Amino acid sequence: MFFDTWMGLVRVVVVGFLAYVALILLLRVSGKRTLSKMNAFDLVVTVALGSTLATILLSETVALAEGVMAFAVLIGLQFAITWLSVRWPWLSHLVKAEPTLLVYHGRFLPGALQQQRVTEAEVYTAIRAQGAASVAAVEAVVLETDGSFTVLERTSSAPTALAAVEIPEEHAS
């Protein structure tokens, strides 16, 4: 079906505009953290907001007020969980993954690679993207909580950026 009625198109434009404005306002009120890409929980909220917007736009059975309420519930829950996880570390550990060390002192950590389901080829890609010439030139590669890689090149000073990353005992020095 290519076309039903003009009213259907008008509804999409009017409701789409209003839903979009409501979503932007709610996101501005809730702060920058709402659409961050810090972990899987944040990704779920972002995808759910997009899905909700699509439903409001395309489903005539969902009223604009119901859609805006759905936005408010999702953003409110995300705000509450992040607010509580800052105050209660056990909740933070429940909702967020920890960064994982994959390379340390120029050597791959096979157990960590296997546990995180990351191949050496993927780590080499991250190392090349950073501009490092070899694994030996790398102090550490960390798989961050958002799934990205951080590559720290070797320097003369101790890598303080690894403060929040667990270093396996057999590699600690």
N, C-alpha and C. Protein backbone atom coordinates (compact mmCIF):
# COMPACT_ATOMS: atom_id res chain seq x y z
N MET A 1 0.84 -1.16 0.00
CA MET A 1 0.00 0.00 0.00
C MET A 1 0.90 1.24 0.00
N PHE A 2 0.66 2.18 -0.91
CA PHE A 2 1.49 3.37 -1.04
C PHE A 2 0.90 4.61 -0.39
N PHE A 3 -0.40 4.64 -0.24
CA PHE A 3 -1.04 5.85 0.28
C PHE A 3 -2.41 5.49 0.82
N ASP A 4 -2.72 5.95 2.04
CA ASP A 4 -4.04 5.72 2.60
C ASP A 4 -4.85 7.01 2.52
N THR A 5 -4.49 7.95 3.37
CA THR A 5 -5.24 9.21 3.39
C THR A 5 -4.29 10.36 3.68
N TRP A 6 -4.75 11.56 3.34
CA TRP A 6 -3.99 12.76 3.67
C TRP A 6 -3.94 12.96 5.18
N MET A 7 -4.98 12.55 5.87
CA MET A 7 -5.01 12.71 7.33
C MET A 7 -3.89 11.88 8.00
N GLY A 8 -3.61 10.73 7.42
CA GLY A 8 -2.52 9.91 7.95
C GLY A 8 -1.18 10.62 7.85
N LEU A 9 -0.97 11.28 6.71
CA LEU A 9 0.27 12.02 6.51
C LEU A 9 0.34 13.25 7.43
N VAL A 10 -0.79 13.93 7.58
CA VAL A 10 -0.84 15.10 8.46
C VAL A 10 -0.56 14.66 9.90
N ARG A 11 -1.14 13.54 10.31
CA ARG A 11 -0.91 13.02 11.66
C ARG A 11 0.57 12.75 11.89
N VAL A 12 1.24 12.12 10.93
CA VAL A 12 2.67 11.82 11.08
C VAL A 12 3.47 13.12 11.24
N VAL A 13 3.16 14.13 10.45
CA VAL A 13 3.89 15.40 10.53
C VAL A 13 3.64 16.09 11.87
N VAL A 14 2.37 16.22 12.26
CA VAL A 14 2.04 16.93 13.50
C VAL A 14 2.52 16.17 14.72
N VAL A 15 2.18 14.90 14.81
CA VAL A 15 2.59 14.10 15.97
C VAL A 15 4.10 13.92 15.98
N GLY A 16 4.69 13.75 14.81
CA GLY A 16 6.14 13.62 14.73
C GLY A 16 6.85 14.85 15.25
N PHE A 17 6.39 16.02 14.83
CA PHE A 17 6.98 17.27 15.30
C PHE A 17 6.84 17.41 16.81
N LEU A 18 5.64 17.18 17.32
CA LEU A 18 5.39 17.34 18.76
C LEU A 18 6.16 16.30 19.58
N ALA A 19 6.22 15.06 19.10
CA ALA A 19 6.95 14.02 19.82
C ALA A 19 8.45 14.34 19.83
N TYR A 20 8.94 14.83 18.71
CA TYR A 20 10.35 15.18 18.61
C TYR A 20 10.69 16.32 19.59
N VAL A 21 9.86 17.35 19.61
CA VAL A 21 10.07 18.47 20.52
C VAL A 21 10.03 17.99 21.98
N ALA A 22 9.05 17.14 22.29
CA ALA A 22 8.94 16.61 23.66
C ALA A 22 10.18 15.80 24.03
N LEU A 23 10.66 14.97 23.11
CA LEU A 23 11.85 14.16 23.39
C LEU A 23 13.07 15.05 23.61
N ILE A 24 13.26 16.06 22.77
CA ILE A 24 14.40 16.97 22.93
C ILE A 24 14.32 17.68 24.28
N LEU A 25 13.14 18.17 24.64
CA LEU A 25 12.99 18.86 25.93
C LEU A 25 13.30 17.93 27.10
N LEU A 26 12.79 16.70 27.05
CA LEU A 26 13.06 15.75 28.12
C LEU A 26 14.54 15.40 28.20
N LEU A 27 15.18 15.27 27.06
CA LEU A 27 16.61 14.96 27.05
C LEU A 27 17.44 16.13 27.60
N ARG A 28 17.05 17.33 27.27
CA ARG A 28 17.77 18.51 27.79
C ARG A 28 17.61 18.62 29.30
N VAL A 29 16.42 18.33 29.80
CA VAL A 29 16.17 18.41 31.24
C VAL A 29 16.94 17.31 31.98
N SER A 30 17.03 16.13 31.38
CA SER A 30 17.65 14.99 32.06
C SER A 30 19.17 15.05 32.07
N GLY A 31 19.79 15.82 31.21
CA GLY A 31 21.24 15.96 31.23
C GLY A 31 21.95 15.14 30.18
N LYS A 32 23.24 15.38 30.06
CA LYS A 32 24.07 14.76 29.02
C LYS A 32 24.18 13.25 29.17
N ARG A 33 24.11 12.76 30.37
CA ARG A 33 24.33 11.34 30.64
C ARG A 33 23.28 10.44 30.00
N THR A 34 22.09 10.97 29.72
CA THR A 34 20.99 10.16 29.22
C THR A 34 21.33 9.49 27.90
N LEU A 35 22.00 10.18 27.01
CA LEU A 35 22.33 9.59 25.71
C LEU A 35 23.80 9.23 25.58
N SER A 36 24.46 9.01 26.68
CA SER A 36 25.86 8.62 26.61
C SER A 36 25.97 7.20 26.10
N LYS A 37 27.17 6.82 25.72
CA LYS A 37 27.43 5.46 25.25
C LYS A 37 28.39 4.77 26.20
N MET A 38 28.11 4.88 27.50
CA MET A 38 29.07 4.39 28.47
C MET A 38 28.98 2.88 28.71
N ASN A 39 27.82 2.29 28.50
CA ASN A 39 27.68 0.87 28.76
C ASN A 39 26.43 0.32 28.07
N ALA A 40 26.19 -0.97 28.23
CA ALA A 40 25.05 -1.62 27.58
C ALA A 40 23.72 -1.06 28.06
N PHE A 41 23.64 -0.70 29.32
CA PHE A 41 22.41 -0.12 29.86
C PHE A 41 22.05 1.16 29.12
N ASP A 42 23.04 2.01 28.86
CA ASP A 42 22.80 3.26 28.14
C ASP A 42 22.35 2.98 26.71
N LEU A 43 22.94 1.97 26.09
CA LEU A 43 22.55 1.60 24.73
C LEU A 43 21.08 1.16 24.69
N VAL A 44 20.66 0.37 25.65
CA VAL A 44 19.27 -0.09 25.70
C VAL A 44 18.31 1.10 25.80
N VAL A 45 18.64 2.06 26.63
CA VAL A 45 17.78 3.24 26.78
C VAL A 45 17.70 4.01 25.47
N THR A 46 18.84 4.20 24.81
CA THR A 46 18.88 4.93 23.55
C THR A 46 18.04 4.23 22.48
N VAL A 47 18.20 2.92 22.37
CA VAL A 47 17.42 2.16 21.39
C VAL A 47 15.94 2.20 21.73
N ALA A 48 15.61 2.08 23.01
CA ALA A 48 14.20 2.12 23.43
C ALA A 48 13.57 3.48 23.12
N LEU A 49 14.32 4.56 23.30
CA LEU A 49 13.79 5.88 22.96
C LEU A 49 13.52 5.99 21.46
N GLY A 50 14.41 5.48 20.66
CA GLY A 50 14.21 5.50 19.21
C GLY A 50 13.02 4.66 18.79
N SER A 51 12.89 3.50 19.40
CA SER A 51 11.76 2.62 19.10
C SER A 51 10.44 3.26 19.52
N THR A 52 10.45 3.92 20.65
CA THR A 52 9.25 4.60 21.14
C THR A 52 8.86 5.74 20.20
N LEU A 53 9.85 6.50 19.74
CA LEU A 53 9.56 7.58 18.80
C LEU A 53 8.96 7.03 17.51
N ALA A 54 9.51 5.94 17.01
CA ALA A 54 8.96 5.32 15.79
C ALA A 54 7.53 4.85 16.01
N THR A 55 7.26 4.27 17.15
CA THR A 55 5.91 3.81 17.46
C THR A 55 4.92 4.96 17.52
N ILE A 56 5.33 6.06 18.16
CA ILE A 56 4.46 7.23 18.25
C ILE A 56 4.15 7.76 16.85
N LEU A 57 5.18 7.80 16.01
CA LEU A 57 5.01 8.34 14.66
C LEU A 57 4.10 7.47 13.79
N LEU A 58 4.26 6.17 13.86
CA LEU A 58 3.63 5.29 12.88
C LEU A 58 2.40 4.53 13.35
N SER A 59 2.19 4.47 14.66
CA SER A 59 1.04 3.73 15.15
C SER A 59 -0.08 4.68 15.56
N GLU A 60 -1.18 4.58 14.87
CA GLU A 60 -2.32 5.44 15.20
C GLU A 60 -2.97 5.04 16.52
N THR A 61 -2.64 3.88 17.03
CA THR A 61 -3.25 3.44 18.29
C THR A 61 -2.52 3.98 19.52
N VAL A 62 -1.37 4.62 19.30
CA VAL A 62 -0.63 5.21 20.42
C VAL A 62 -0.81 6.72 20.38
N ALA A 63 -1.41 7.24 21.43
CA ALA A 63 -1.64 8.68 21.52
C ALA A 63 -0.33 9.39 21.84
N LEU A 64 -0.22 10.65 21.43
CA LEU A 64 0.96 11.44 21.69
C LEU A 64 1.27 11.51 23.19
N ALA A 65 0.24 11.71 24.01
CA ALA A 65 0.45 11.79 25.47
C ALA A 65 1.02 10.49 26.01
N GLU A 66 0.57 9.35 25.50
CA GLU A 66 1.10 8.06 25.94
C GLU A 66 2.57 7.93 25.53
N GLY A 67 2.90 8.35 24.34
CA GLY A 67 4.28 8.29 23.87
C GLY A 67 5.19 9.18 24.69
N VAL A 68 4.74 10.40 24.99
CA VAL A 68 5.55 11.31 25.80
C VAL A 68 5.74 10.73 27.20
N MET A 69 4.70 10.10 27.72
CA MET A 69 4.83 9.45 29.03
C MET A 69 5.84 8.31 28.96
N ALA A 70 5.84 7.56 27.86
CA ALA A 70 6.82 6.49 27.70
C ALA A 70 8.24 7.06 27.67
N PHE A 71 8.44 8.19 26.96
CA PHE A 71 9.74 8.85 26.98
C PHE A 71 10.13 9.20 28.41
N ALA A 72 9.19 9.81 29.14
CA ALA A 72 9.47 10.25 30.51
C ALA A 72 9.82 9.07 31.41
N VAL A 73 9.12 7.95 31.25
CA VAL A 73 9.41 6.76 32.06
C VAL A 73 10.81 6.24 31.75
N LEU A 74 11.15 6.10 30.47
CA LEU A 74 12.47 5.59 30.10
C LEU A 74 13.59 6.51 30.60
N ILE A 75 13.42 7.80 30.38
CA ILE A 75 14.45 8.76 30.81
C ILE A 75 14.51 8.81 32.33
N GLY A 76 13.36 8.75 32.98
CA GLY A 76 13.32 8.76 34.45
C GLY A 76 14.01 7.54 35.04
N LEU A 77 13.75 6.36 34.46
CA LEU A 77 14.41 5.14 34.94
C LEU A 77 15.92 5.21 34.72
N GLN A 78 16.33 5.68 33.56
CA GLN A 78 17.75 5.80 33.27
C GLN A 78 18.40 6.78 34.24
N PHE A 79 17.75 7.90 34.50
CA PHE A 79 18.26 8.88 35.44
C PHE A 79 18.37 8.27 36.84
N ALA A 80 17.32 7.57 37.27
CA ALA A 80 17.31 6.98 38.62
C ALA A 80 18.42 5.92 38.77
N ILE A 81 18.55 5.05 37.78
CA ILE A 81 19.57 4.00 37.87
C ILE A 81 20.97 4.61 37.90
N THR A 82 21.24 5.59 37.04
CA THR A 82 22.58 6.19 37.05
C THR A 82 22.82 6.99 38.33
N TRP A 83 21.81 7.68 38.83
CA TRP A 83 21.94 8.44 40.07
C TRP A 83 22.24 7.50 41.24
N LEU A 84 21.50 6.40 41.30
CA LEU A 84 21.70 5.43 42.38
C LEU A 84 23.03 4.70 42.24
N SER A 85 23.44 4.40 41.00
CA SER A 85 24.69 3.65 40.82
C SER A 85 25.91 4.48 41.20
N VAL A 86 25.81 5.80 41.14
CA VAL A 86 26.90 6.66 41.59
C VAL A 86 27.01 6.59 43.12
N ARG A 87 25.89 6.39 43.78
CA ARG A 87 25.87 6.39 45.24
C ARG A 87 26.04 4.99 45.85
N TRP A 88 25.64 3.97 45.14
CA TRP A 88 25.76 2.59 45.63
C TRP A 88 26.62 1.78 44.67
N PRO A 89 27.87 1.55 45.01
CA PRO A 89 28.78 0.84 44.11
C PRO A 89 28.29 -0.55 43.70
N TRP A 90 27.59 -1.24 44.58
CA TRP A 90 27.10 -2.58 44.22
C TRP A 90 26.12 -2.50 43.06
N LEU A 91 25.32 -1.45 43.00
CA LEU A 91 24.39 -1.28 41.89
C LEU A 91 25.15 -0.93 40.61
N SER A 92 26.17 -0.12 40.75
CA SER A 92 27.00 0.23 39.60
C SER A 92 27.61 -1.02 38.98
N HIS A 93 28.10 -1.93 39.82
CA HIS A 93 28.69 -3.18 39.32
C HIS A 93 27.63 -4.07 38.69
N LEU A 94 26.40 -3.97 39.15
CA LEU A 94 25.31 -4.76 38.59
C LEU A 94 24.93 -4.28 37.19
N VAL A 95 24.92 -2.96 36.99
CA VAL A 95 24.45 -2.39 35.72
C VAL A 95 25.58 -2.18 34.71
N LYS A 96 26.78 -1.96 35.18
CA LYS A 96 27.88 -1.63 34.29
C LYS A 96 28.94 -2.72 34.28
N ALA A 97 29.52 -2.91 33.12
CA ALA A 97 30.66 -3.81 33.01
C ALA A 97 31.92 -3.07 33.47
N GLU A 98 32.93 -3.80 33.80
CA GLU A 98 34.21 -3.20 34.18
C GLU A 98 35.12 -3.19 32.95
N PRO A 99 36.03 -2.24 32.85
CA PRO A 99 37.00 -2.28 31.75
C PRO A 99 37.90 -3.50 31.92
N THR A 100 38.34 -4.07 30.80
CA THR A 100 39.15 -5.28 30.84
C THR A 100 40.48 -5.05 30.13
N LEU A 101 41.56 -5.41 30.78
CA LEU A 101 42.89 -5.31 30.22
C LEU A 101 43.10 -6.47 29.26
N LEU A 102 43.46 -6.18 28.00
CA LEU A 102 43.66 -7.22 26.99
C LEU A 102 45.13 -7.40 26.62
N VAL A 103 45.90 -6.31 26.72
CA VAL A 103 47.34 -6.34 26.47
C VAL A 103 47.99 -5.58 27.61
N TYR A 104 49.08 -6.13 28.14
CA TYR A 104 49.79 -5.45 29.22
C TYR A 104 51.29 -5.64 29.01
N HIS A 105 52.04 -4.57 29.09
CA HIS A 105 53.48 -4.57 28.84
C HIS A 105 53.82 -5.24 27.50
N GLY A 106 53.03 -4.95 26.48
CA GLY A 106 53.32 -5.45 25.15
C GLY A 106 52.97 -6.91 24.92
N ARG A 107 52.25 -7.52 25.85
CA ARG A 107 51.89 -8.95 25.71
C ARG A 107 50.38 -9.13 25.81
N PHE A 108 49.86 -9.99 24.94
CA PHE A 108 48.44 -10.31 24.99
C PHE A 108 48.12 -11.09 26.26
N LEU A 109 46.93 -10.90 26.80
CA LEU A 109 46.44 -11.66 27.94
C LEU A 109 45.37 -12.61 27.41
N PRO A 110 45.77 -13.85 27.07
CA PRO A 110 44.85 -14.78 26.40
C PRO A 110 43.56 -15.06 27.17
N GLY A 111 43.65 -15.16 28.48
CA GLY A 111 42.44 -15.41 29.28
C GLY A 111 41.43 -14.29 29.15
N ALA A 112 41.92 -13.06 29.18
CA ALA A 112 41.03 -11.90 29.04
C ALA A 112 40.44 -11.82 27.65
N LEU A 113 41.26 -12.10 26.63
CA LEU A 113 40.76 -12.10 25.25
C LEU A 113 39.63 -13.12 25.09
N GLN A 114 39.86 -14.31 25.62
CA GLN A 114 38.86 -15.37 25.51
C GLN A 114 37.59 -15.02 26.29
N GLN A 115 37.75 -14.52 27.50
CA GLN A 115 36.59 -14.17 28.33
C GLN A 115 35.74 -13.09 27.68
N GLN A 116 36.38 -12.13 27.02
CA GLN A 116 35.65 -11.01 26.41
C GLN A 116 35.28 -11.29 24.94
N ARG A 117 35.67 -12.45 24.44
CA ARG A 117 35.38 -12.84 23.06
C ARG A 117 35.95 -11.84 22.05
N VAL A 118 37.22 -11.50 22.26
CA VAL A 118 37.93 -10.57 21.40
C VAL A 118 39.10 -11.32 20.79
N THR A 119 39.32 -11.13 19.49
CA THR A 119 40.44 -11.79 18.82
C THR A 119 41.67 -10.88 18.82
N GLU A 120 42.82 -11.48 18.65
CA GLU A 120 44.04 -10.69 18.55
C GLU A 120 43.97 -9.76 17.35
N ALA A 121 43.33 -10.22 16.27
CA ALA A 121 43.19 -9.38 15.07
C ALA A 121 42.44 -8.09 15.38
N GLU A 122 41.42 -8.16 16.22
CA GLU A 122 40.67 -6.96 16.59
C GLU A 122 41.54 -6.00 17.40
N VAL A 123 42.37 -6.57 18.26
CA VAL A 123 43.28 -5.74 19.06
C VAL A 123 44.33 -5.09 18.16
N TYR A 124 44.86 -5.87 17.20
CA TYR A 124 45.82 -5.30 16.25
C TYR A 124 45.19 -4.13 15.49
N THR A 125 43.93 -4.24 15.13
CA THR A 125 43.23 -3.15 14.44
C THR A 125 43.21 -1.90 15.31
N ALA A 126 42.89 -2.07 16.59
CA ALA A 126 42.86 -0.93 17.51
C ALA A 126 44.26 -0.32 17.67
N ILE A 127 45.28 -1.16 17.71
CA ILE A 127 46.65 -0.67 17.86
C ILE A 127 47.05 0.13 16.62
N ARG A 128 46.72 -0.40 15.44
CA ARG A 128 47.02 0.33 14.20
C ARG A 128 46.26 1.65 14.14
N ALA A 129 45.00 1.64 14.56
CA ALA A 129 44.19 2.86 14.54
C ALA A 129 44.80 3.94 15.43
N GLN A 130 45.47 3.53 16.50
CA GLN A 130 46.12 4.46 17.40
C GLN A 130 47.44 4.97 16.81
N GLY A 131 47.96 4.26 15.81
CA GLY A 131 49.21 4.68 15.17
C GLY A 131 50.44 4.00 15.74
N ALA A 132 50.24 3.02 16.61
CA ALA A 132 51.38 2.29 17.18
C ALA A 132 51.92 1.31 16.14
N ALA A 133 53.24 1.13 16.12
CA ALA A 133 53.88 0.28 15.11
C ALA A 133 53.87 -1.20 15.48
N SER A 134 53.78 -1.49 16.78
CA SER A 134 53.82 -2.90 17.19
C SER A 134 53.18 -3.06 18.56
N VAL A 135 52.88 -4.31 18.89
CA VAL A 135 52.34 -4.60 20.22
C VAL A 135 53.39 -4.28 21.28
N ALA A 136 54.65 -4.48 20.95
CA ALA A 136 55.73 -4.20 21.90
C ALA A 136 55.78 -2.71 22.28
N ALA A 137 55.28 -1.85 21.40
CA ALA A 137 55.29 -0.41 21.66
C ALA A 137 54.10 0.01 22.53
N VAL A 138 53.28 -0.97 22.90
CA VAL A 138 52.05 -0.67 23.64
C VAL A 138 52.20 -1.08 25.10
N GLU A 139 51.86 -0.18 25.98
CA GLU A 139 51.85 -0.49 27.41
C GLU A 139 50.62 -1.32 27.75
N ALA A 140 49.47 -0.91 27.20
CA ALA A 140 48.23 -1.61 27.52
C ALA A 140 47.18 -1.35 26.45
N VAL A 141 46.28 -2.33 26.30
CA VAL A 141 45.05 -2.16 25.52
C VAL A 141 43.92 -2.56 26.45
N VAL A 142 42.95 -1.66 26.58
CA VAL A 142 41.82 -1.89 27.48
C VAL A 142 40.54 -1.94 26.67
N LEU A 143 39.72 -2.96 26.92
CA LEU A 143 38.37 -3.01 26.36
C LEU A 143 37.49 -2.25 27.34
N GLU A 144 36.98 -1.10 26.89
CA GLU A 144 36.21 -0.22 27.77
C GLU A 144 34.78 -0.73 27.95
N THR A 145 34.07 -0.14 28.89
CA THR A 145 32.71 -0.58 29.22
C THR A 145 31.74 -0.36 28.07
N ASP A 146 32.06 0.54 27.14
CA ASP A 146 31.18 0.79 26.00
C ASP A 146 31.56 -0.06 24.78
N GLY A 147 32.57 -0.94 24.93
CA GLY A 147 32.97 -1.82 23.84
C GLY A 147 34.10 -1.26 22.99
N SER A 148 34.54 -0.06 23.26
CA SER A 148 35.64 0.52 22.49
C SER A 148 36.98 0.09 23.10
N PHE A 149 38.03 0.25 22.30
CA PHE A 149 39.38 -0.08 22.76
C PHE A 149 40.14 1.20 23.09
N THR A 150 40.89 1.18 24.18
CA THR A 150 41.82 2.25 24.50
C THR A 150 43.21 1.67 24.43
N VAL A 151 44.07 2.32 23.65
CA VAL A 151 45.45 1.87 23.50
C VAL A 151 46.36 2.89 24.18
N LEU A 152 47.15 2.42 25.12
CA LEU A 152 48.11 3.27 25.82
C LEU A 152 49.51 2.88 25.37
N GLU A 153 50.21 3.83 24.77
CA GLU A 153 51.57 3.55 24.32
C GLU A 153 52.53 3.62 25.50
N ARG A 154 53.65 2.94 25.36
CA ARG A 154 54.67 2.93 26.42
C ARG A 154 55.26 4.32 26.59
N THR A 155 55.42 4.69 27.85
CA THR A 155 56.07 5.96 28.19
C THR A 155 57.05 5.70 29.31
N SER A 156 57.80 6.71 29.67
CA SER A 156 58.78 6.54 30.76
C SER A 156 58.10 6.57 32.13
N SER A 157 56.89 7.15 32.20
CA SER A 157 56.20 7.21 33.49
C SER A 157 55.20 6.06 33.62
N ALA A 158 54.81 5.79 34.84
CA ALA A 158 53.84 4.72 35.11
C ALA A 158 52.48 5.12 34.53
N PRO A 159 51.75 4.16 33.94
CA PRO A 159 50.45 4.47 33.32
C PRO A 159 49.35 4.68 34.37
N THR A 160 49.12 5.92 34.77
CA THR A 160 48.11 6.20 35.77
C THR A 160 46.69 6.01 35.23
N ALA A 161 46.54 5.97 33.91
CA ALA A 161 45.22 5.77 33.32
C ALA A 161 44.68 4.36 33.61
N LEU A 162 45.54 3.47 34.06
CA LEU A 162 45.11 2.10 34.37
C LEU A 162 44.62 1.95 35.81
N ALA A 163 44.46 3.04 36.51
CA ALA A 163 44.07 2.98 37.92
C ALA A 163 42.78 2.22 38.15
N ALA A 164 41.80 2.32 37.26
CA ALA A 164 40.51 1.67 37.47
C ALA A 164 40.40 0.32 36.76
N VAL A 165 41.53 -0.17 36.22
CA VAL A 165 41.51 -1.42 35.47
C VAL A 165 42.21 -2.50 36.29
N GLU A 166 41.57 -3.64 36.40
CA GLU A 166 42.15 -4.74 37.16
C GLU A 166 43.28 -5.38 36.35
N ILE A 167 44.47 -5.44 36.97
CA ILE A 167 45.63 -6.05 36.35
C ILE A 167 45.82 -7.42 36.99
N PRO A 168 45.79 -8.48 36.18
CA PRO A 168 45.95 -9.83 36.73
C PRO A 168 47.25 -9.94 37.55
N GLU A 169 47.20 -10.64 38.66
CA GLU A 169 48.34 -10.72 39.58
C GLU A 169 49.63 -11.19 38.90
N GLU A 170 49.51 -12.15 37.99
CA GLU A 170 50.72 -12.68 37.35
C GLU A 170 51.40 -11.65 36.44
N HIS A 171 50.69 -10.54 36.13
CA HIS A 171 51.26 -9.50 35.26
C HIS A 171 51.57 -8.21 36.01
N ALA A 172 51.15 -8.13 37.26
CA ALA A 172 51.42 -6.91 38.05
C ALA A 172 52.90 -6.86 38.39
N SER A 173 53.45 -5.66 38.31
CA SER A 173 54.88 -5.54 38.66
C SER A 173 55.16 -4.30 39.45
